[in-house]
């Protein structure tokens, strides 16, 4: 294990091998794991050097199964990890059940043997639960950002795709994991290698010589609009403001949303807010009034009517169904 500068800046370390430990929890995301290690493999392949070495770690000696059933056998227990340059924490789904006293103690002990800690997807919440993000800036998956802010006031939660604050790194999910790894490769070995790895996975904007397919353009606009909508659920933005932030006219946004999804921007916004409401009904104990406020409804009755129209049941009925399942 090497000793890196606290800022993780490029220090002409291309001749060194960086050790990375990936701590896997049951129901981890295959895509998140691939986006964490494949860029490292790509950097090794393109450079012809062992720039990165990684190993999988578990809480016990057993096999860990991903959310889609892919089994991975960790090479060692977390308690056996001698150290690493980066310890990447990857719980993904069901992260709350993993924050047990024993696990948090093991995580704190391992953190003392590692130079930098990385929260991938919901991994930031486990790091925060262990007190390992106190006084740091961090982010997580957008589904849990409000929970993150409210539960861990000692952490400066940033609503961004990825955050690097000294020896603490975090990102919001599978796609942002790839972006974070490309940034690390750039900092360790320069932008040229990072760009080469990015090109290996066809990541980023298409070259100008590629044909401009209208359906791709519409799809990108829809994704960008949806991302803004997710960031502004408690206080929804007017559609004209969404369009302005995207750099297009309101009419242009409406036509592209209809072409890409068959829906108006307002209908897309409502669907996103209702999906978040359903998640909160299923995964939290928040009251209907609190959930309504989280998804931008001042009137809980109005939210309930919209919820029933969308899902065929009220929030209370859905919760009863879940308890009876």
C-alpha atoms as a PDB file:
ATOM      1  CA  UNK A   1       0.000   0.000   0.000  1.00  0.00           C
ATOM      2  CA  UNK A   2       1.315   3.409  -0.947  1.00  0.00           C
ATOM      3  CA  UNK A   3       1.073   6.688   0.958  1.00  0.00           C
ATOM      4  CA  UNK A   4      -0.807   9.174  -1.193  1.00  0.00           C
ATOM      5  CA  UNK A   5      -1.123  12.922  -0.684  1.00  0.00           C
ATOM      6  CA  UNK A   6      -4.218  13.890   1.235  1.00  0.00           C
ATOM      7  CA  UNK A   7      -5.637  15.775  -1.735  1.00  0.00           C
ATOM      8  CA  UNK A   8      -5.267  12.716  -3.994  1.00  0.00           C
ATOM      9  CA  UNK A   9      -3.696  14.882  -6.668  1.00  0.00           C
ATOM     10  CA  UNK A  10      -1.472  13.496  -9.430  1.00  0.00           C
ATOM     11  CA  UNK A  11       1.982  13.042  -7.907  1.00  0.00           C
ATOM     12  CA  UNK A  12       3.817  11.309 -10.763  1.00  0.00           C
ATOM     13  CA  UNK A  13       2.959   7.930  -9.275  1.00  0.00           C
ATOM     14  CA  UNK A  14       2.490   6.059 -12.554  1.00  0.00           C
ATOM     15  CA  UNK A  15       5.126   3.484 -11.569  1.00  0.00           C
ATOM     16  CA  UNK A  16       3.267   2.455  -8.408  1.00  0.00           C
ATOM     17  CA  UNK A  17       0.443  -0.046  -7.995  1.00  0.00           C
ATOM     18  CA  UNK A  18      -2.591   1.274  -6.168  1.00  0.00           C
ATOM     19  CA  UNK A  19      -4.385  -1.230  -3.911  1.00  0.00           C
ATOM     20  CA  UNK A  20      -8.171  -1.093  -3.816  1.00  0.00           C
ATOM     21  CA  UNK A  21     -10.489  -3.128  -1.586  1.00  0.00           C
ATOM     22  CA  UNK A  22     -14.171  -3.352  -2.527  1.00  0.00           C
ATOM     23  CA  UNK A  23     -16.436  -4.168   0.416  1.00  0.00           C
ATOM     24  CA  UNK A  24     -19.518  -5.963  -0.922  1.00  0.00           C
ATOM     25  CA  UNK A  25     -22.850  -6.352   0.830  1.00  0.00           C
ATOM     26  CA  UNK A  26     -25.747  -8.627  -0.156  1.00  0.00           C
ATOM     27  CA  UNK A  27     -27.807  -7.233  -3.064  1.00  0.00           C
ATOM     28  CA  UNK A  28     -24.978  -5.045  -4.320  1.00  0.00           C
ATOM     29  CA  UNK A  29     -25.395  -3.647  -7.842  1.00  0.00           C
ATOM     30  CA  UNK A  30     -23.632  -5.533 -10.643  1.00  0.00           C
ATOM     31  CA  UNK A  31     -23.427  -2.341 -12.676  1.00  0.00           C
ATOM     32  CA  UNK A  32     -21.901  -0.384  -9.815  1.00  0.00           C
ATOM     33  CA  UNK A  33     -19.281  -3.082  -9.255  1.00  0.00           C
ATOM     34  CA  UNK A  34     -18.413  -3.298 -12.952  1.00  0.00           C
ATOM     35  CA  UNK A  35     -18.128   0.478 -13.211  1.00  0.00           C
ATOM     36  CA  UNK A  36     -15.757   0.459 -10.242  1.00  0.00           C
ATOM     37  CA  UNK A  37     -13.316  -2.207 -11.420  1.00  0.00           C
ATOM     38  CA  UNK A  38     -13.545  -2.255 -15.221  1.00  0.00           C
ATOM     39  CA  UNK A  39     -11.979   1.218 -15.597  1.00  0.00           C
ATOM     40  CA  UNK A  40      -9.083  -0.022 -13.449  1.00  0.00           C
ATOM     41  CA  UNK A  41      -8.718  -3.075 -15.658  1.00  0.00           C
ATOM     42  CA  UNK A  42      -8.850  -0.787 -18.686  1.00  0.00           C
ATOM     43  CA  UNK A  43      -6.123   1.442 -17.260  1.00  0.00           C
ATOM     44  CA  UNK A  44      -3.903  -1.594 -16.657  1.00  0.00           C
ATOM     45  CA  UNK A  45      -4.552  -2.924 -20.160  1.00  0.00           C
ATOM     46  CA  UNK A  46      -3.979   0.355 -21.980  1.00  0.00           C
ATOM     47  CA  UNK A  47      -0.851   1.272 -20.016  1.00  0.00           C
ATOM     48  CA  UNK A  48       0.632  -2.226 -20.099  1.00  0.00           C
ATOM     49  CA  UNK A  49       1.397  -1.820 -16.396  1.00  0.00           C
ATOM     50  CA  UNK A  50      -0.215  -3.073 -13.160  1.00  0.00           C
ATOM     51  CA  UNK A  51      -1.354   0.414 -12.162  1.00  0.00           C
ATOM     52  CA  UNK A  52      -4.220  -0.929 -10.053  1.00  0.00           C
ATOM     53  CA  UNK A  53      -4.794  -4.050  -8.004  1.00  0.00           C
ATOM     54  CA  UNK A  54      -8.194  -4.811  -6.475  1.00  0.00           C
ATOM     55  CA  UNK A  55      -9.744  -7.425  -4.252  1.00  0.00           C
ATOM     56  CA  UNK A  56     -13.250  -8.157  -3.009  1.00  0.00           C
ATOM     57  CA  UNK A  57     -13.962  -8.147   0.711  1.00  0.00           C
ATOM     58  CA  UNK A  58     -16.987  -9.356   2.675  1.00  0.00           C
ATOM     59  CA  UNK A  59     -18.228  -9.176   6.227  1.00  0.00           C
ATOM     60  CA  UNK A  60     -17.914 -12.940   6.618  1.00  0.00           C
ATOM     61  CA  UNK A  61     -16.380 -15.759   4.649  1.00  0.00           C
ATOM     62  CA  UNK A  62     -19.430 -16.563   2.584  1.00  0.00           C
ATOM     63  CA  UNK A  63     -20.420 -15.829  -0.965  1.00  0.00           C
ATOM     64  CA  UNK A  64     -22.116 -12.481  -1.624  1.00  0.00           C
ATOM     65  CA  UNK A  65     -24.944 -12.349  -4.141  1.00  0.00           C
ATOM     66  CA  UNK A  66     -25.822  -9.261  -6.166  1.00  0.00           C
ATOM     67  CA  UNK A  67     -29.323  -7.844  -6.591  1.00  0.00           C
ATOM     68  CA  UNK A  68     -29.656  -9.774  -9.855  1.00  0.00           C
ATOM     69  CA  UNK A  69     -28.243 -13.022  -8.500  1.00  0.00           C
ATOM     70  CA  UNK A  70     -24.590 -12.788  -9.557  1.00  0.00           C
ATOM     71  CA  UNK A  71     -22.477 -14.544  -6.895  1.00  0.00           C
ATOM     72  CA  UNK A  72     -19.095 -13.142  -5.877  1.00  0.00           C
ATOM     73  CA  UNK A  73     -16.764 -14.881  -3.437  1.00  0.00           C
ATOM     74  CA  UNK A  74     -14.748 -12.326  -1.422  1.00  0.00           C
ATOM     75  CA  UNK A  75     -11.076 -13.044  -0.993  1.00  0.00           C
ATOM     76  CA  UNK A  76     -11.132 -12.172   2.695  1.00  0.00           C
ATOM     77  CA  UNK A  77     -13.218 -10.843   5.546  1.00  0.00           C
ATOM     78  CA  UNK A  78     -13.195  -7.132   6.323  1.00  0.00           C
ATOM     79  CA  UNK A  79     -11.524  -7.898   9.655  1.00  0.00           C
ATOM     80  CA  UNK A  80      -8.683  -9.628   7.792  1.00  0.00           C
ATOM     81  CA  UNK A  81      -7.971  -6.736   5.418  1.00  0.00           C
ATOM     82  CA  UNK A  82      -4.407  -5.601   6.198  1.00  0.00           C
ATOM     83  CA  UNK A  83      -4.896  -2.250   4.508  1.00  0.00           C
ATOM     84  CA  UNK A  84      -5.557  -0.583   1.169  1.00  0.00           C
ATOM     85  CA  UNK A  85      -5.075   2.719  -0.573  1.00  0.00           C
ATOM     86  CA  UNK A  86      -8.832   2.894  -1.103  1.00  0.00           C
ATOM     87  CA  UNK A  87     -11.588   1.044   0.724  1.00  0.00           C
ATOM     88  CA  UNK A  88     -14.738   1.207  -1.422  1.00  0.00           C
ATOM     89  CA  UNK A  89     -18.002   0.541   0.413  1.00  0.00           C
ATOM     90  CA  UNK A  90     -20.770  -0.823  -1.834  1.00  0.00           C
ATOM     91  CA  UNK A  91     -24.056  -1.759  -0.121  1.00  0.00           C
ATOM     92  CA  UNK A  92     -26.527  -0.468  -2.758  1.00  0.00           C
ATOM     93  CA  UNK A  93     -29.948  -1.944  -1.957  1.00  0.00           C
ATOM     94  CA  UNK A  94     -31.041  -2.548   1.635  1.00  0.00           C
ATOM     95  CA  UNK A  95     -28.284  -0.407   3.104  1.00  0.00           C
ATOM     96  CA  UNK A  96     -30.174   0.355   6.340  1.00  0.00           C
ATOM     97  CA  UNK A  97     -30.142  -3.256   7.539  1.00  0.00           C
ATOM     98  CA  UNK A  98     -26.374  -3.417   7.320  1.00  0.00           C
ATOM     99  CA  UNK A  99     -25.671  -0.569   9.774  1.00  0.00           C
ATOM    100  CA  UNK A 100     -25.371  -2.897  12.773  1.00  0.00           C
ATOM    101  CA  UNK A 101     -23.067  -2.089  15.716  1.00  0.00           C
ATOM    102  CA  UNK A 102     -20.733  -4.965  14.808  1.00  0.00           C
ATOM    103  CA  UNK A 103     -20.460  -3.904  11.173  1.00  0.00           C
ATOM    104  CA  UNK A 104     -19.843  -0.266  12.065  1.00  0.00           C
ATOM    105  CA  UNK A 105     -17.089  -1.256  14.508  1.00  0.00           C
ATOM    106  CA  UNK A 106     -15.472  -3.417  11.826  1.00  0.00           C
ATOM    107  CA  UNK A 107     -15.724  -0.589   9.321  1.00  0.00           C
ATOM    108  CA  UNK A 108     -14.093   1.896  11.697  1.00  0.00           C
ATOM    109  CA  UNK A 109     -11.286  -0.549  12.427  1.00  0.00           C
ATOM    110  CA  UNK A 110     -10.673  -1.170   8.717  1.00  0.00           C
ATOM    111  CA  UNK A 111     -10.755   2.567   8.012  1.00  0.00           C
ATOM    112  CA  UNK A 112      -7.744   3.024  10.282  1.00  0.00           C
ATOM    113  CA  UNK A 113      -5.799   0.657   8.021  1.00  0.00           C
ATOM    114  CA  UNK A 114      -6.781   2.359   4.748  1.00  0.00           C
ATOM    115  CA  UNK A 115      -5.705   5.663   3.323  1.00  0.00           C
ATOM    116  CA  UNK A 116      -8.954   6.784   1.666  1.00  0.00           C
ATOM    117  CA  UNK A 117     -12.601   5.759   1.984  1.00  0.00           C
ATOM    118  CA  UNK A 118     -15.086   5.698  -0.880  1.00  0.00           C
ATOM    119  CA  UNK A 119     -18.862   5.537  -0.567  1.00  0.00           C
ATOM    120  CA  UNK A 120     -20.350   4.120  -3.759  1.00  0.00           C
ATOM    121  CA  UNK A 121     -24.109   4.471  -4.261  1.00  0.00           C
ATOM    122  CA  UNK A 122     -25.561   4.282  -0.705  1.00  0.00           C
ATOM    123  CA  UNK A 123     -22.164   3.446   0.772  1.00  0.00           C
ATOM    124  CA  UNK A 124     -21.859   7.014   2.042  1.00  0.00           C
ATOM    125  CA  UNK A 125     -24.662   6.389   4.517  1.00  0.00           C
ATOM    126  CA  UNK A 126     -22.789   3.469   6.073  1.00  0.00           C
ATOM    127  CA  UNK A 127     -19.624   5.540   6.290  1.00  0.00           C
ATOM    128  CA  UNK A 128     -21.645   8.317   7.917  1.00  0.00           C
ATOM    129  CA  UNK A 129     -23.288   5.871  10.332  1.00  0.00           C
ATOM    130  CA  UNK A 130     -19.789   4.823  11.419  1.00  0.00           C
ATOM    131  CA  UNK A 131     -18.832   8.474  12.005  1.00  0.00           C
ATOM    132  CA  UNK A 132     -16.302   8.351   9.179  1.00  0.00           C
ATOM    133  CA  UNK A 133     -17.727  11.310   7.238  1.00  0.00           C
ATOM    134  CA  UNK A 134     -18.055  13.804  10.090  1.00  0.00           C
ATOM    135  CA  UNK A 135     -16.788  17.175   8.865  1.00  0.00           C
ATOM    136  CA  UNK A 136     -16.579  16.022   5.239  1.00  0.00           C
ATOM    137  CA  UNK A 137     -18.518  16.879   2.113  1.00  0.00           C
ATOM    138  CA  UNK A 138     -20.237  13.846   0.592  1.00  0.00           C
ATOM    139  CA  UNK A 139     -23.045  12.735  -1.676  1.00  0.00           C
ATOM    140  CA  UNK A 140     -25.082   9.600  -2.319  1.00  0.00           C
ATOM    141  CA  UNK A 141     -27.850   8.226  -4.516  1.00  0.00           C
ATOM    142  CA  UNK A 142     -30.497  10.863  -5.087  1.00  0.00           C
ATOM    143  CA  UNK A 143     -33.192   8.601  -3.592  1.00  0.00           C
ATOM    144  CA  UNK A 144     -31.572   8.908  -0.153  1.00  0.00           C
ATOM    145  CA  UNK A 145     -30.114  12.430  -0.175  1.00  0.00           C
ATOM    146  CA  UNK A 146     -32.831  13.916   2.025  1.00  0.00           C
ATOM    147  CA  UNK A 147     -32.500  11.005   4.455  1.00  0.00           C
ATOM    148  CA  UNK A 148     -28.735  11.531   4.379  1.00  0.00           C
ATOM    149  CA  UNK A 149     -29.067  15.230   5.252  1.00  0.00           C
ATOM    150  CA  UNK A 150     -31.579  14.690   8.043  1.00  0.00           C
ATOM    151  CA  UNK A 151     -29.912  11.675   9.663  1.00  0.00           C
ATOM    152  CA  UNK A 152     -26.297  12.856   9.590  1.00  0.00           C
ATOM    153  CA  UNK A 153     -26.104  16.629  10.205  1.00  0.00           C
ATOM    154  CA  UNK A 154     -22.357  16.281  10.886  1.00  0.00           C
ATOM    155  CA  UNK A 155     -21.863  15.573   7.170  1.00  0.00           C
ATOM    156  CA  UNK A 156     -22.078  18.339   4.584  1.00  0.00           C
ATOM    157  CA  UNK A 157     -24.327  16.602   2.076  1.00  0.00           C
ATOM    158  CA  UNK A 158     -23.816  17.848  -1.470  1.00  0.00           C
ATOM    159  CA  UNK A 159     -26.416  17.274  -4.174  1.00  0.00           C
ATOM    160  CA  UNK A 160     -23.896  16.386  -6.836  1.00  0.00           C
ATOM    161  CA  UNK A 161     -22.960  13.339  -8.903  1.00  0.00           C
ATOM    162  CA  UNK A 162     -19.660  12.766  -7.121  1.00  0.00           C
ATOM    163  CA  UNK A 163     -17.611  14.488  -4.431  1.00  0.00           C
ATOM    164  CA  UNK A 164     -13.929  14.254  -3.516  1.00  0.00           C
ATOM    165  CA  UNK A 165     -13.104  15.869  -0.178  1.00  0.00           C
ATOM    166  CA  UNK A 166      -9.534  15.116   0.922  1.00  0.00           C
ATOM    167  CA  UNK A 167      -9.419  11.375   1.714  1.00  0.00           C
ATOM    168  CA  UNK A 168     -13.168  10.825   1.441  1.00  0.00           C
ATOM    169  CA  UNK A 169     -14.837  10.152  -1.916  1.00  0.00           C
ATOM    170  CA  UNK A 170     -18.468   9.501  -2.757  1.00  0.00           C
ATOM    171  CA  UNK A 171     -20.822   9.236  -5.696  1.00  0.00           C
ATOM    172  CA  UNK A 172     -24.493   8.733  -6.381  1.00  0.00           C
ATOM    173  CA  UNK A 173     -24.789   5.420  -8.197  1.00  0.00           C
ATOM    174  CA  UNK A 174     -23.607   3.112 -10.953  1.00  0.00           C
ATOM    175  CA  UNK A 175     -23.094   5.657 -13.735  1.00  0.00           C
ATOM    176  CA  UNK A 176     -21.446   8.145 -11.413  1.00  0.00           C
ATOM    177  CA  UNK A 177     -19.130   5.389 -10.178  1.00  0.00           C
ATOM    178  CA  UNK A 178     -17.653   5.209 -13.672  1.00  0.00           C
ATOM    179  CA  UNK A 179     -17.234   8.991 -13.692  1.00  0.00           C
ATOM    180  CA  UNK A 180     -15.519   8.926 -10.299  1.00  0.00           C
ATOM    181  CA  UNK A 181     -13.113   6.196 -11.382  1.00  0.00           C
ATOM    182  CA  UNK A 182     -12.202   8.113 -14.541  1.00  0.00           C
ATOM    183  CA  UNK A 183     -11.486  11.158 -12.375  1.00  0.00           C
ATOM    184  CA  UNK A 184      -9.224   9.103 -10.108  1.00  0.00           C
ATOM    185  CA  UNK A 185      -7.335   7.702 -13.084  1.00  0.00           C
ATOM    186  CA  UNK A 186      -6.835  11.259 -14.351  1.00  0.00           C
ATOM    187  CA  UNK A 187      -5.532  12.406 -10.971  1.00  0.00           C
ATOM    188  CA  UNK A 188      -3.218   9.447 -10.575  1.00  0.00           C
ATOM    189  CA  UNK A 189      -1.917   9.062 -14.119  1.00  0.00           C
ATOM    190  CA  UNK A 190      -2.962  12.117 -16.088  1.00  0.00           C
ATOM    191  CA  UNK A 191      -5.918  13.054 -18.301  1.00  0.00           C
ATOM    192  CA  UNK A 192      -4.632  11.233 -21.375  1.00  0.00           C
ATOM    193  CA  UNK A 193      -4.994   7.774 -19.818  1.00  0.00           C
ATOM    194  CA  UNK A 194      -8.364   8.712 -18.354  1.00  0.00           C
ATOM    195  CA  UNK A 195      -9.617   9.809 -21.777  1.00  0.00           C
ATOM    196  CA  UNK A 196      -8.321   6.600 -23.328  1.00  0.00           C
ATOM    197  CA  UNK A 197     -10.147   4.509 -20.727  1.00  0.00           C
ATOM    198  CA  UNK A 198     -13.292   6.586 -21.286  1.00  0.00           C
ATOM    199  CA  UNK A 199     -13.073   5.952 -25.020  1.00  0.00           C
ATOM    200  CA  UNK A 200     -12.595   2.232 -24.371  1.00  0.00           C
ATOM    201  CA  UNK A 201     -16.099   2.165 -22.889  1.00  0.00           C
ATOM    202  CA  UNK A 202     -17.525   4.699 -25.383  1.00  0.00           C
ATOM    203  CA  UNK A 203     -18.263   6.983 -22.452  1.00  0.00           C
ATOM    204  CA  UNK A 204     -19.004  10.672 -22.946  1.00  0.00           C
ATOM    205  CA  UNK A 205     -20.116  12.802 -25.858  1.00  0.00           C
ATOM    206  CA  UNK A 206     -20.060  11.369 -29.352  1.00  0.00           C
ATOM    207  CA  UNK A 207     -17.466  12.732 -31.747  1.00  0.00           C
ATOM    208  CA  UNK A 208     -18.674  15.520 -34.002  1.00  0.00           C
ATOM    209  CA  UNK A 209     -18.190  13.256 -37.022  1.00  0.00           C
ATOM    210  CA  UNK A 210     -20.950  10.920 -35.844  1.00  0.00           C
ATOM    211  CA  UNK A 211     -24.412  11.470 -37.332  1.00  0.00           C
ATOM    212  CA  UNK A 212     -26.770  13.504 -35.198  1.00  0.00           C
ATOM    213  CA  UNK A 213     -29.705  11.163 -34.707  1.00  0.00           C
ATOM    214  CA  UNK A 214     -32.819  13.099 -33.632  1.00  0.00           C
ATOM    215  CA  UNK A 215     -34.070  10.302 -31.365  1.00  0.00           C
ATOM    216  CA  UNK A 216     -30.775  10.347 -29.430  1.00  0.00           C
ATOM    217  CA  UNK A 217     -30.982  14.107 -29.056  1.00  0.00           C
ATOM    218  CA  UNK A 218     -34.537  13.869 -27.728  1.00  0.00           C
ATOM    219  CA  UNK A 219     -33.555  11.096 -25.369  1.00  0.00           C
ATOM    220  CA  UNK A 220     -30.678  13.107 -23.920  1.00  0.00           C
ATOM    221  CA  UNK A 221     -32.943  16.100 -23.367  1.00  0.00           C
ATOM    222  CA  UNK A 222     -35.478  13.901 -21.589  1.00  0.00           C
ATOM    223  CA  UNK A 223     -32.788  12.406 -19.325  1.00  0.00           C
ATOM    224  CA  UNK A 224     -31.405  15.854 -18.497  1.00  0.00           C
ATOM    225  CA  UNK A 225     -34.891  17.172 -17.764  1.00  0.00           C
ATOM    226  CA  UNK A 226     -35.677  14.163 -15.552  1.00  0.00           C
ATOM    227  CA  UNK A 227     -32.465  14.700 -13.592  1.00  0.00           C
ATOM    228  CA  UNK A 228     -33.462  18.303 -12.892  1.00  0.00           C
ATOM    229  CA  UNK A 229     -36.952  17.202 -11.907  1.00  0.00           C
ATOM    230  CA  UNK A 230     -35.532  14.729  -9.393  1.00  0.00           C
ATOM    231  CA  UNK A 231     -33.416  17.474  -7.837  1.00  0.00           C
ATOM    232  CA  UNK A 232     -36.453  19.724  -7.450  1.00  0.00           C
ATOM    233  CA  UNK A 233     -39.261  17.615  -6.023  1.00  0.00           C
ATOM    234  CA  UNK A 234     -40.071  19.423  -2.783  1.00  0.00           C
ATOM    235  CA  UNK A 235     -40.400  22.700  -4.686  1.00  0.00           C
ATOM    236  CA  UNK A 236     -41.166  21.728  -8.301  1.00  0.00           C
ATOM    237  CA  UNK A 237     -39.875  24.062 -10.984  1.00  0.00           C
ATOM    238  CA  UNK A 238     -42.218  25.573 -13.572  1.00  0.00           C
ATOM    239  CA  UNK A 239     -41.717  23.906 -16.950  1.00  0.00           C
ATOM    240  CA  UNK A 240     -40.506  27.180 -18.452  1.00  0.00           C
ATOM    241  CA  UNK A 241     -37.725  27.323 -15.841  1.00  0.00           C
ATOM    242  CA  UNK A 242     -36.761  23.717 -16.574  1.00  0.00           C
ATOM    243  CA  UNK A 243     -36.500  24.557 -20.265  1.00  0.00           C
ATOM    244  CA  UNK A 244     -34.437  27.645 -19.546  1.00  0.00           C
ATOM    245  CA  UNK A 245     -31.980  25.663 -17.418  1.00  0.00           C
ATOM    246  CA  UNK A 246     -31.633  23.150 -20.236  1.00  0.00           C
ATOM    247  CA  UNK A 247     -30.949  25.924 -22.719  1.00  0.00           C
ATOM    248  CA  UNK A 248     -33.971  25.289 -24.918  1.00  0.00           C
ATOM    249  CA  UNK A 249     -37.407  26.840 -25.357  1.00  0.00           C
ATOM    250  CA  UNK A 250     -40.432  25.564 -23.458  1.00  0.00           C
ATOM    251  CA  UNK A 251     -41.996  24.511 -26.741  1.00  0.00           C
ATOM    252  CA  UNK A 252     -38.792  22.674 -27.683  1.00  0.00           C
ATOM    253  CA  UNK A 253     -38.770  20.824 -24.343  1.00  0.00           C
ATOM    254  CA  UNK A 254     -42.414  19.849 -24.757  1.00  0.00           C
ATOM    255  CA  UNK A 255     -41.948  18.527 -28.284  1.00  0.00           C
ATOM    256  CA  UNK A 256     -38.821  16.539 -27.377  1.00  0.00           C
ATOM    257  CA  UNK A 257     -40.423  15.034 -24.276  1.00  0.00           C
ATOM    258  CA  UNK A 258     -43.455  13.975 -26.303  1.00  0.00           C
ATOM    259  CA  UNK A 259     -41.268  12.503 -29.022  1.00  0.00           C
ATOM    260  CA  UNK A 260     -39.049  10.587 -26.581  1.00  0.00           C
ATOM    261  CA  UNK A 261     -41.653   9.432 -24.051  1.00  0.00           C
ATOM    262  CA  UNK A 262     -45.119  10.167 -25.392  1.00  0.00           C
ATOM    263  CA  UNK A 263     -45.712  12.438 -22.379  1.00  0.00           C
ATOM    264  CA  UNK A 264     -45.668  16.123 -21.654  1.00  0.00           C
ATOM    265  CA  UNK A 265     -42.911  17.445 -19.381  1.00  0.00           C
ATOM    266  CA  UNK A 266     -45.544  18.006 -16.675  1.00  0.00           C
ATOM    267  CA  UNK A 267     -46.681  14.374 -16.924  1.00  0.00           C
ATOM    268  CA  UNK A 268     -43.066  13.189 -16.681  1.00  0.00           C
ATOM    269  CA  UNK A 269     -42.562  15.417 -13.623  1.00  0.00           C
ATOM    270  CA  UNK A 270     -45.682  14.024 -11.961  1.00  0.00           C
ATOM    271  CA  UNK A 271     -44.632  10.434 -12.651  1.00  0.00           C
ATOM    272  CA  UNK A 272     -41.220  11.059 -11.103  1.00  0.00           C
ATOM    273  CA  UNK A 273     -42.770  12.629  -8.010  1.00  0.00           C
ATOM    274  CA  UNK A 274     -45.234   9.760  -7.663  1.00  0.00           C
ATOM    275  CA  UNK A 275     -42.471   7.187  -7.981  1.00  0.00           C
ATOM    276  CA  UNK A 276     -40.628   8.896  -5.151  1.00  0.00           C
ATOM    277  CA  UNK A 277     -43.833   8.994  -3.086  1.00  0.00           C
ATOM    278  CA  UNK A 278     -44.304   5.246  -3.587  1.00  0.00           C
ATOM    279  CA  UNK A 279     -40.687   4.602  -2.559  1.00  0.00           C
ATOM    280  CA  UNK A 280     -41.189   6.615   0.623  1.00  0.00           C
ATOM    281  CA  UNK A 281     -44.424   4.759   1.382  1.00  0.00           C
ATOM    282  CA  UNK A 282     -42.689   1.412   0.906  1.00  0.00           C
ATOM    283  CA  UNK A 283     -39.361   2.121   2.575  1.00  0.00           C
ATOM    284  CA  UNK A 284     -40.008   4.664   5.349  1.00  0.00           C
ATOM    285  CA  UNK A 285     -42.398   5.303   8.203  1.00  0.00           C
ATOM    286  CA  UNK A 286     -43.092   8.889   7.155  1.00  0.00           C
ATOM    287  CA  UNK A 287     -46.673  10.079   7.411  1.00  0.00           C
ATOM    288  CA  UNK A 288     -48.677  10.783   4.266  1.00  0.00           C
ATOM    289  CA  UNK A 289     -48.455  14.502   5.037  1.00  0.00           C
ATOM    290  CA  UNK A 290     -44.667  14.306   5.300  1.00  0.00           C
ATOM    291  CA  UNK A 291     -44.445  12.322   2.076  1.00  0.00           C
ATOM    292  CA  UNK A 292     -46.658  14.832   0.307  1.00  0.00           C
ATOM    293  CA  UNK A 293     -44.284  17.620   1.323  1.00  0.00           C
ATOM    294  CA  UNK A 294     -41.267  15.627   0.129  1.00  0.00           C
ATOM    295  CA  UNK A 295     -42.756  15.332  -3.367  1.00  0.00           C
ATOM    296  CA  UNK A 296     -44.021  18.884  -3.704  1.00  0.00           C
ATOM    297  CA  UNK A 297     -47.643  18.736  -2.566  1.00  0.00           C
ATOM    298  CA  UNK A 298     -48.854  21.231   0.013  1.00  0.00           C
ATOM    299  CA  UNK A 299     -52.131  19.294   0.221  1.00  0.00           C
ATOM    300  CA  UNK A 300     -51.810  15.657   1.300  1.00  0.00           C
ATOM    301  CA  UNK A 301     -55.289  14.899  -0.044  1.00  0.00           C
ATOM    302  CA  UNK A 302     -54.296  16.068  -3.512  1.00  0.00           C
ATOM    303  CA  UNK A 303     -51.195  13.885  -3.368  1.00  0.00           C
ATOM    304  CA  UNK A 304     -53.297  10.904  -2.234  1.00  0.00           C
ATOM    305  CA  UNK A 305     -55.712  11.342  -5.151  1.00  0.00           C
ATOM    306  CA  UNK A 306     -52.852  11.517  -7.616  1.00  0.00           C
ATOM    307  CA  UNK A 307     -51.194   8.504  -5.958  1.00  0.00           C
ATOM    308  CA  UNK A 308     -54.362   6.402  -6.277  1.00  0.00           C
ATOM    309  CA  UNK A 309     -54.772   7.402  -9.925  1.00  0.00           C
ATOM    310  CA  UNK A 310     -51.166   6.371 -10.601  1.00  0.00           C
ATOM    311  CA  UNK A 311     -50.968   3.120  -8.608  1.00  0.00           C
ATOM    312  CA  UNK A 312     -54.556   2.018  -8.006  1.00  0.00           C
ATOM    313  CA  UNK A 313     -54.298   2.348  -4.229  1.00  0.00           C
ATOM    314  CA  UNK A 314     -53.851   5.089  -1.659  1.00  0.00           C
ATOM    315  CA  UNK A 315     -50.596   5.298   0.328  1.00  0.00           C
ATOM    316  CA  UNK A 316     -52.368   3.844   3.374  1.00  0.00           C
ATOM    317  CA  UNK A 317     -53.805   0.965   1.337  1.00  0.00           C
ATOM    318  CA  UNK A 318     -50.404   0.203  -0.168  1.00  0.00           C
ATOM    319  CA  UNK A 319     -48.825   0.064   3.281  1.00  0.00           C
ATOM    320  CA  UNK A 320     -51.532  -2.319   4.499  1.00  0.00           C
ATOM    321  CA  UNK A 321     -50.922  -4.538   1.477  1.00  0.00           C
ATOM    322  CA  UNK A 322     -47.183  -4.578   2.231  1.00  0.00           C
ATOM    323  CA  UNK A 323     -47.757  -5.480   5.869  1.00  0.00           C
ATOM    324  CA  UNK A 324     -50.025  -8.334   4.802  1.00  0.00           C
ATOM    325  CA  UNK A 325     -47.564  -9.673   2.230  1.00  0.00           C
END
